[in-house]
């Protein structure tokens, strides 16, 4: 497969949020036609003053984050997300393109102005992280107590719509379209990493009601964090200690060791390898990593991006056949979380290595892995299976 031509077209929605079309089909990719760029919705600007109960307008506020003194973790708090869209009907999905009627475009409250799109990215209407116009990052102490430092959750949250087809899935896309999504991920990683105060960019997809997905339309998200997240911080600590002890790169050595062992390898292509990690936590868990040391998605070559599109679809196809209905053997679409671990933006960047972590809470047909007692209370994991069993089953599926 040759690298696709992708046309990037940016616009601004009625409330001031950014939206970008990534087109790979004609007549748009050549520029012979342009997607609809105006947003006719009568939305107030997202930073417009907000009338209070007393009728007095007050400046718009954004989410905040507070530091837990017991763990050192930053906890974003975005109470406005309680009102976000929840499992809408297909004809009211905000991720579907605008609809047409005999009188023209019947554009209601959807997020995409045009009547069709290939891939589209826009700022989340209900973000957990957001930068206010003044760009202030000045902190404060909750209740005046220095034990509880707080500051604005000054990051950014974006939505990536993989397709205009409401009933589709990532695994049902063509390799050509997945290649376009990879271009969008790389583009947004570059742009978001350059924003002031951003320490980490995370591209991810939640799939399935079991995961808690509130919009079934095939989509993912991108978070640009103003702090290094707990899992990444723990990985950096391990990688730093490993380098000090051995002089080597931990994540690179993990991939090499998995390839030497071979036991848990489930897929290998020219540029990519998928394996169940030796200490997998989840009932189903797979990591997909490039064979070459790469820091992030923008660092992938065209050949690696082409190969990733095909490899990812092959992996998703197998995962969607991992569980079957016990009565008739019908495959059960796997609920999963898939996230790209990339090198952080600042200190410790050289310790990172790009890889996808994909896992599921489904441990058997109709049975979920609940994070009870020790998992939720202490983050002490107890696996219900072994990595070798997971890998053996994925190796069998063709």
Protein backbone atom coordinates (compact mmCIF):
# COMPACT_ATOMS: atom_id res chain seq x y z
CA UNK A 1 0.00 0.00 0.00
CA UNK A 2 1.35 3.43 -0.90
CA UNK A 3 1.16 6.33 1.52
CA UNK A 4 -2.11 8.20 1.03
CA UNK A 5 -2.41 11.86 0.19
CA UNK A 6 -4.22 13.52 3.06
CA UNK A 7 -5.63 17.03 2.89
CA UNK A 8 -5.85 18.92 6.19
CA UNK A 9 -8.50 21.66 6.37
CA UNK A 10 -9.02 23.64 9.57
CA UNK A 11 -11.98 25.75 10.65
CA UNK A 12 -13.60 27.12 13.79
CA UNK A 13 -16.93 26.03 15.24
CA UNK A 14 -19.61 28.50 16.34
CA UNK A 15 -18.47 28.49 19.97
CA UNK A 16 -14.81 29.04 19.10
CA UNK A 17 -13.47 25.46 19.18
CA UNK A 18 -11.10 24.18 16.50
CA UNK A 19 -12.15 21.53 13.96
CA UNK A 20 -9.90 19.90 11.36
CA UNK A 21 -10.93 17.70 8.44
CA UNK A 22 -8.45 15.04 7.30
CA UNK A 23 -9.59 14.00 3.83
CA UNK A 24 -8.30 11.05 1.77
CA UNK A 25 -11.04 10.87 -0.91
CA UNK A 26 -11.84 12.94 -3.95
CA UNK A 27 -12.80 15.61 -4.75
CA UNK A 28 -11.54 16.86 -1.39
CA UNK A 29 -8.02 15.44 -1.19
CA UNK A 30 -7.01 17.28 -4.38
CA UNK A 31 -8.69 20.50 -3.31
CA UNK A 32 -11.26 20.35 -6.14
CA UNK A 33 -13.91 20.72 -3.43
CA UNK A 34 -13.84 21.87 0.18
CA UNK A 35 -15.76 20.58 3.17
CA UNK A 36 -18.28 22.91 4.75
CA UNK A 37 -16.41 25.25 7.06
CA UNK A 38 -19.13 27.48 8.55
CA UNK A 39 -21.01 26.39 11.67
CA UNK A 40 -24.54 27.89 11.67
CA UNK A 41 -25.46 26.79 15.20
CA UNK A 42 -26.51 29.61 17.53
CA UNK A 43 -23.99 28.59 20.17
CA UNK A 44 -22.61 31.10 22.69
CA UNK A 45 -18.85 31.41 22.65
CA UNK A 46 -17.40 28.92 25.09
CA UNK A 47 -15.55 31.67 26.94
CA UNK A 48 -18.48 34.09 27.03
CA UNK A 49 -19.44 35.41 30.50
CA UNK A 50 -21.97 33.19 32.26
CA UNK A 51 -25.04 34.65 34.05
CA UNK A 52 -25.20 33.54 37.69
CA UNK A 53 -28.32 32.80 39.77
CA UNK A 54 -28.45 36.46 40.67
CA UNK A 55 -28.42 37.52 37.02
CA UNK A 56 -24.90 38.90 37.23
CA UNK A 57 -22.52 37.77 34.51
CA UNK A 58 -19.27 36.19 35.65
CA UNK A 59 -16.19 35.18 33.66
CA UNK A 60 -16.11 31.66 32.26
CA UNK A 61 -14.14 29.20 34.35
CA UNK A 62 -12.29 26.07 33.36
CA UNK A 63 -11.50 22.76 35.03
CA UNK A 64 -9.01 22.72 37.87
CA UNK A 65 -6.69 20.04 39.19
CA UNK A 66 -5.58 19.29 42.72
CA UNK A 67 -2.52 17.40 43.90
CA UNK A 68 -3.07 14.44 46.20
CA UNK A 69 -0.45 14.83 48.95
CA UNK A 70 -0.54 11.08 49.68
CA UNK A 71 0.44 9.94 46.17
CA UNK A 72 1.69 13.07 44.42
CA UNK A 73 -0.92 12.57 41.66
CA UNK A 74 -2.71 15.47 40.00
CA UNK A 75 -6.51 14.97 39.88
CA UNK A 76 -8.38 17.06 37.25
CA UNK A 77 -11.87 18.11 38.30
CA UNK A 78 -14.36 18.99 35.57
CA UNK A 79 -17.87 19.05 37.01
CA UNK A 80 -19.37 20.32 33.74
CA UNK A 81 -18.76 16.88 32.22
CA UNK A 82 -21.70 15.54 34.25
CA UNK A 83 -23.93 17.13 31.59
CA UNK A 84 -22.21 15.68 28.53
CA UNK A 85 -24.10 13.69 25.91
CA UNK A 86 -24.98 10.16 27.05
CA UNK A 87 -25.93 7.34 24.63
CA UNK A 88 -27.98 9.44 22.19
CA UNK A 89 -30.22 7.95 19.52
CA UNK A 90 -28.56 7.45 16.15
CA UNK A 91 -30.47 10.38 14.64
CA UNK A 92 -29.23 12.65 17.43
CA UNK A 93 -25.56 11.60 17.52
CA UNK A 94 -23.34 14.70 17.67
CA UNK A 95 -20.53 12.87 15.82
CA UNK A 96 -22.63 12.07 12.74
CA UNK A 97 -22.36 14.46 9.81
CA UNK A 98 -25.04 17.06 9.15
CA UNK A 99 -28.21 15.71 7.55
CA UNK A 100 -29.89 16.96 4.40
CA UNK A 101 -33.51 17.54 3.53
CA UNK A 102 -35.42 18.79 0.49
CA UNK A 103 -34.90 22.34 1.68
CA UNK A 104 -31.18 21.86 2.14
CA UNK A 105 -29.01 21.00 5.08
CA UNK A 106 -30.89 20.23 8.28
CA UNK A 107 -28.09 21.01 10.70
CA UNK A 108 -29.07 20.59 14.35
CA UNK A 109 -26.52 20.22 17.14
CA UNK A 110 -24.01 17.93 15.48
CA UNK A 111 -20.35 18.80 15.79
CA UNK A 112 -19.42 18.35 12.11
CA UNK A 113 -20.81 20.98 9.71
CA UNK A 114 -20.56 18.97 6.48
CA UNK A 115 -22.86 16.17 5.33
CA UNK A 116 -19.94 13.74 5.08
CA UNK A 117 -16.34 13.42 6.17
CA UNK A 118 -13.42 10.99 6.07
CA UNK A 119 -11.67 11.71 9.40
CA UNK A 120 -12.34 14.76 11.53
CA UNK A 121 -10.78 16.10 14.73
CA UNK A 122 -12.28 18.78 16.96
CA UNK A 123 -11.90 20.14 20.46
CA UNK A 124 -14.10 18.35 22.98
CA UNK A 125 -17.21 20.30 23.94
CA UNK A 126 -16.98 18.93 27.48
CA UNK A 127 -13.21 18.88 28.14
CA UNK A 128 -11.53 17.61 31.28
CA UNK A 129 -8.54 19.83 30.38
CA UNK A 130 -8.80 23.33 28.93
CA UNK A 131 -6.78 26.54 28.65
CA UNK A 132 -8.67 29.76 29.37
CA UNK A 133 -8.09 32.83 27.14
CA UNK A 134 -5.83 34.51 29.70
CA UNK A 135 -3.60 31.41 29.67
CA UNK A 136 -3.08 31.73 33.41
CA UNK A 137 -1.44 28.75 35.11
CA UNK A 138 -1.16 30.43 38.49
CA UNK A 139 -1.96 28.04 41.31
CA UNK A 140 -3.51 28.33 44.74
CA UNK A 141 -3.98 26.28 47.88
CA UNK A 142 -7.37 24.66 48.55
CA UNK A 143 -8.86 26.20 51.70
CA UNK A 144 -5.60 28.06 52.08
CA UNK A 145 -3.83 24.87 53.10
CA UNK A 146 -0.43 24.27 51.45
CA UNK A 147 -1.03 20.52 51.76
CA UNK A 148 -3.53 20.81 48.89
CA UNK A 149 -2.00 22.72 45.97
CA UNK A 150 -4.28 23.37 43.00
CA UNK A 151 -3.93 24.98 39.61
CA UNK A 152 -5.87 25.25 36.33
CA UNK A 153 -6.13 21.97 34.39
CA UNK A 154 -4.61 23.82 31.46
CA UNK A 155 -4.43 21.10 28.83
CA UNK A 156 -6.49 20.19 25.81
CA UNK A 157 -8.95 17.43 24.88
CA UNK A 158 -9.80 16.53 21.28
CA UNK A 159 -12.17 14.05 19.66
CA UNK A 160 -11.13 12.01 16.61
CA UNK A 161 -14.00 10.70 14.49
CA UNK A 162 -12.73 7.67 12.57
CA UNK A 163 -15.62 7.55 10.12
CA UNK A 164 -18.94 9.23 9.34
CA UNK A 165 -20.61 5.79 9.53
CA UNK A 166 -22.44 5.68 12.86
CA UNK A 167 -22.64 1.87 12.88
CA UNK A 168 -19.02 1.16 11.98
CA UNK A 169 -15.95 0.35 14.06
CA UNK A 170 -12.23 0.92 13.85
CA UNK A 171 -11.70 -2.74 13.02
CA UNK A 172 -14.12 -2.44 10.10
CA UNK A 173 -12.20 0.36 8.40
CA UNK A 174 -10.01 -0.04 5.33
CA UNK A 175 -6.23 0.09 5.69
CA UNK A 176 -6.34 3.29 3.60
CA UNK A 177 -8.59 4.96 6.17
CA UNK A 178 -6.55 3.71 9.14
CA UNK A 179 -3.50 5.22 7.45
CA UNK A 180 -5.31 8.57 7.42
CA UNK A 181 -6.08 8.23 11.13
CA UNK A 182 -2.39 7.58 11.79
CA UNK A 183 -1.63 10.83 9.94
CA UNK A 184 -4.17 12.64 12.11
CA UNK A 185 -2.70 11.17 15.32
CA UNK A 186 0.80 12.21 14.27
CA UNK A 187 -0.32 15.69 13.24
CA UNK A 188 -2.15 16.33 16.50
CA UNK A 189 0.72 14.91 18.58
CA UNK A 190 3.09 17.39 16.95
CA UNK A 191 0.75 20.36 17.39
CA UNK A 192 -0.33 19.57 20.95
CA UNK A 193 3.20 18.76 22.13
CA UNK A 194 4.22 22.29 21.14
CA UNK A 195 1.58 23.98 23.32
CA UNK A 196 2.91 25.78 26.42
CA UNK A 197 2.91 23.67 29.57
CA UNK A 198 2.07 20.34 27.91
CA UNK A 199 4.04 17.37 29.23
CA UNK A 200 2.36 14.37 27.60
CA UNK A 201 0.07 13.58 24.63
CA UNK A 202 -2.11 10.47 24.75
CA UNK A 203 -4.13 9.19 21.75
CA UNK A 204 -6.68 6.55 22.75
CA UNK A 205 -9.95 4.79 21.92
CA UNK A 206 -12.62 3.47 24.28
CA UNK A 207 -14.83 0.86 22.64
CA UNK A 208 -17.96 -0.78 24.00
CA UNK A 209 -20.62 -0.08 26.62
CA UNK A 210 -18.73 -2.31 29.06
CA UNK A 211 -15.91 0.26 28.99
CA UNK A 212 -18.36 3.09 29.68
CA UNK A 213 -18.54 4.57 26.18
CA UNK A 214 -21.24 7.26 26.03
CA UNK A 215 -21.19 7.69 22.24
CA UNK A 216 -21.22 4.49 20.13
CA UNK A 217 -20.13 6.32 16.97
CA UNK A 218 -16.59 5.10 16.13
CA UNK A 219 -14.26 7.68 17.61
CA UNK A 220 -11.26 8.17 19.83
CA UNK A 221 -9.78 10.99 21.85
CA UNK A 222 -6.51 12.83 22.36
CA UNK A 223 -5.54 14.35 25.70
CA UNK A 224 -2.69 16.83 26.05
CA UNK A 225 -1.78 16.75 29.75
CA UNK A 226 -0.18 19.60 31.72
CA UNK A 227 1.46 16.97 33.93
CA UNK A 228 3.02 13.54 33.56
CA UNK A 229 0.38 10.92 34.28
CA UNK A 230 0.91 8.36 37.09
CA UNK A 231 1.47 5.30 34.89
CA UNK A 232 3.90 7.19 32.68
CA UNK A 233 5.73 8.55 35.72
CA UNK A 234 6.10 5.01 37.07
CA UNK A 235 7.38 3.77 33.71
CA UNK A 236 9.91 6.60 33.57
CA UNK A 237 11.14 5.75 37.06
CA UNK A 238 11.69 2.12 36.06
CA UNK A 239 13.36 3.11 32.78
CA UNK A 240 15.65 5.58 34.52
CA UNK A 241 16.71 3.06 37.16
CA UNK A 242 17.29 0.43 34.46
CA UNK A 243 19.48 2.80 32.44
CA UNK A 244 21.52 3.77 35.52
CA UNK A 245 22.01 0.09 36.34
CA UNK A 246 22.66 -1.34 32.87
CA UNK A 247 23.25 1.60 30.53
CA UNK A 248 20.48 0.24 28.33
CA UNK A 249 16.96 1.28 27.23
CA UNK A 250 14.28 -0.62 29.16
CA UNK A 251 11.40 -0.52 26.67
CA UNK A 252 13.70 -1.48 23.81
CA UNK A 253 15.04 -4.42 25.79
CA UNK A 254 11.51 -5.55 26.68
CA UNK A 255 10.56 -5.79 23.00
CA UNK A 256 13.81 -7.61 22.21
CA UNK A 257 13.27 -10.05 25.07
CA UNK A 258 9.70 -10.80 24.00
CA UNK A 259 10.92 -11.49 20.46
CA UNK A 260 13.68 -13.80 21.75
CA UNK A 261 11.25 -15.75 23.93
CA UNK A 262 8.63 -15.90 21.19
CA UNK A 263 6.13 -17.51 23.55
CA UNK A 264 3.81 -14.53 23.74
CA UNK A 265 4.28 -13.13 20.21
CA UNK A 266 0.89 -13.02 18.49
CA UNK A 267 1.69 -11.02 15.35
CA UNK A 268 4.86 -9.93 13.58
CA UNK A 269 5.26 -7.90 10.39
CA UNK A 270 8.20 -6.20 8.69
CA UNK A 271 8.12 -3.23 11.08
CA UNK A 272 5.83 -4.19 13.99
CA UNK A 273 5.46 -6.85 16.65
CA UNK A 274 2.43 -7.58 18.84
CA UNK A 275 2.84 -9.50 22.06
CA UNK A 276 1.11 -10.24 25.33
CA UNK A 277 3.43 -8.74 27.97
CA UNK A 278 4.99 -11.19 30.41
CA UNK A 279 3.30 -9.44 33.35
CA UNK A 280 -0.06 -8.68 31.68
CA UNK A 281 -2.70 -7.47 34.13
CA UNK A 282 -5.92 -7.67 32.14
CA UNK A 283 -8.01 -10.67 31.00
CA UNK A 284 -7.04 -9.71 27.43
CA UNK A 285 -4.00 -7.48 26.89
CA UNK A 286 -1.72 -6.94 23.90
CA UNK A 287 1.07 -4.48 23.20
CA UNK A 288 1.91 -3.42 19.64
CA UNK A 289 5.37 -1.89 19.18
CA UNK A 290 7.63 -0.88 16.31
CA UNK A 291 10.77 -2.97 15.90
CA UNK A 292 12.82 0.19 15.55
CA UNK A 293 13.26 2.54 18.50
CA UNK A 294 10.74 5.35 17.91
CA UNK A 295 9.79 8.03 20.43
CA UNK A 296 6.33 8.93 19.18
CA UNK A 297 3.84 8.70 16.32
CA UNK A 298 5.33 11.64 14.37
CA UNK A 299 8.65 9.76 14.37
CA UNK A 300 7.29 6.86 12.29
CA UNK A 301 8.44 6.58 8.69
CA UNK A 302 5.94 6.23 5.84
CA UNK A 303 6.77 2.53 5.57
CA UNK A 304 6.17 2.02 9.30
CA UNK A 305 2.85 3.88 9.09
CA UNK A 306 1.74 1.78 6.12
CA UNK A 307 2.67 -1.42 7.93
CA UNK A 308 0.96 -0.25 11.13
CA UNK A 309 -2.35 0.25 9.33
CA UNK A 310 -2.38 -3.37 8.16
CA UNK A 311 -0.98 -4.83 11.39
CA UNK A 312 -3.45 -2.99 13.61
CA UNK A 313 -6.43 -4.18 11.57
CA UNK A 314 -5.15 -7.78 11.69
CA UNK A 315 -4.79 -7.54 15.47
CA UNK A 316 -8.26 -6.05 15.96
CA UNK A 317 -9.73 -8.76 13.76
CA UNK A 318 -8.28 -11.46 15.97
CA UNK A 319 -9.36 -9.72 19.16
CA UNK A 320 -12.93 -9.53 17.86
CA UNK A 321 -12.84 -13.34 17.60
CA UNK A 322 -11.22 -13.92 20.99
CA UNK A 323 -14.57 -14.63 22.67
CA UNK A 324 -17.55 -16.35 21.05
CA UNK A 325 -21.11 -17.00 22.14
CA UNK A 326 -21.22 -20.40 23.90
CA UNK A 327 -24.40 -21.54 22.13
CA UNK A 328 -23.64 -20.83 18.47
CA UNK A 329 -20.01 -19.68 18.31
CA UNK A 330 -20.86 -16.16 17.13
CA UNK A 331 -17.87 -13.83 17.67
CA UNK A 332 -18.33 -11.27 20.45
CA UNK A 333 -17.01 -7.79 19.57
CA UNK A 334 -14.35 -7.12 22.20
CA UNK A 335 -14.84 -4.09 24.44
CA UNK A 336 -11.43 -2.51 24.80
CA UNK A 337 -9.28 0.48 25.62
CA UNK A 338 -6.43 1.14 23.19
CA UNK A 339 -3.90 3.86 23.97
CA UNK A 340 -0.63 5.03 22.46
CA UNK A 341 2.18 5.45 24.97
CA UNK A 342 4.53 8.08 23.57
CA UNK A 343 7.66 9.75 24.92
CA UNK A 344 6.91 12.68 27.19
CA UNK A 345 7.53 16.19 25.90
CA UNK A 346 10.20 17.31 28.37
CA UNK A 347 12.44 15.68 30.98
CA UNK A 348 12.76 11.94 30.49
CA UNK A 349 11.80 12.04 26.79
CA UNK A 350 14.81 9.92 25.80
CA UNK A 351 13.55 7.11 28.07
CA UNK A 352 10.30 6.69 26.15
CA UNK A 353 9.47 4.35 23.30
CA UNK A 354 6.29 4.29 21.26
CA UNK A 355 3.90 1.38 21.85
CA UNK A 356 0.18 0.68 21.87
CA UNK A 357 -1.41 -0.94 24.88
CA UNK A 358 -4.77 -2.59 24.16
CA UNK A 359 -6.73 -4.34 26.90
CA UNK A 360 -10.23 -5.49 27.77
CA UNK A 361 -12.26 -5.88 30.95
CA UNK A 362 -14.11 -8.86 29.43
CA UNK A 363 -12.80 -12.07 31.04
CA UNK A 364 -15.40 -14.46 29.56
CA UNK A 365 -18.62 -14.11 27.55
CA UNK A 366 -20.94 -12.02 29.71
CA UNK A 367 -18.42 -11.72 32.55
CA UNK A 368 -16.38 -8.63 33.38
CA UNK A 369 -13.21 -8.09 35.35
CA UNK A 370 -14.24 -5.81 38.21
CA UNK A 371 -11.60 -3.81 40.01
CA UNK A 372 -12.62 -4.61 43.55
CA UNK A 373 -10.80 -4.69 46.92
CA UNK A 374 -7.07 -4.82 46.37
CA UNK A 375 -7.13 -3.62 42.74
CA UNK A 376 -9.10 -0.43 43.45
CA UNK A 377 -7.95 0.11 47.00
CA UNK A 378 -4.24 -0.60 46.63
CA UNK A 379 -3.62 -0.87 42.87
CA UNK A 380 -2.41 -4.40 43.63
CA UNK A 381 -3.40 -6.48 40.63
CA UNK A 382 -4.49 -10.11 40.63
CA UNK A 383 -4.84 -11.62 37.18
CA UNK A 384 -7.58 -14.10 36.35
CA UNK A 385 -5.46 -15.82 33.70
CA UNK A 386 -1.86 -16.01 32.47
CA UNK A 387 -0.19 -14.09 29.64
CA UNK A 388 0.74 -17.39 27.99
CA UNK A 389 -2.91 -18.49 27.81
CA UNK A 390 -3.95 -15.16 26.29
CA UNK A 391 -1.17 -15.37 23.73
CA UNK A 392 -1.84 -19.02 22.86
CA UNK A 393 -5.47 -18.26 22.10
CA UNK A 394 -4.58 -15.24 19.92
CA UNK A 395 -2.00 -17.35 18.09
CA UNK A 396 -4.71 -19.88 17.25
CA UNK A 397 -7.08 -17.29 15.75
CA UNK A 398 -6.63 -16.74 12.05
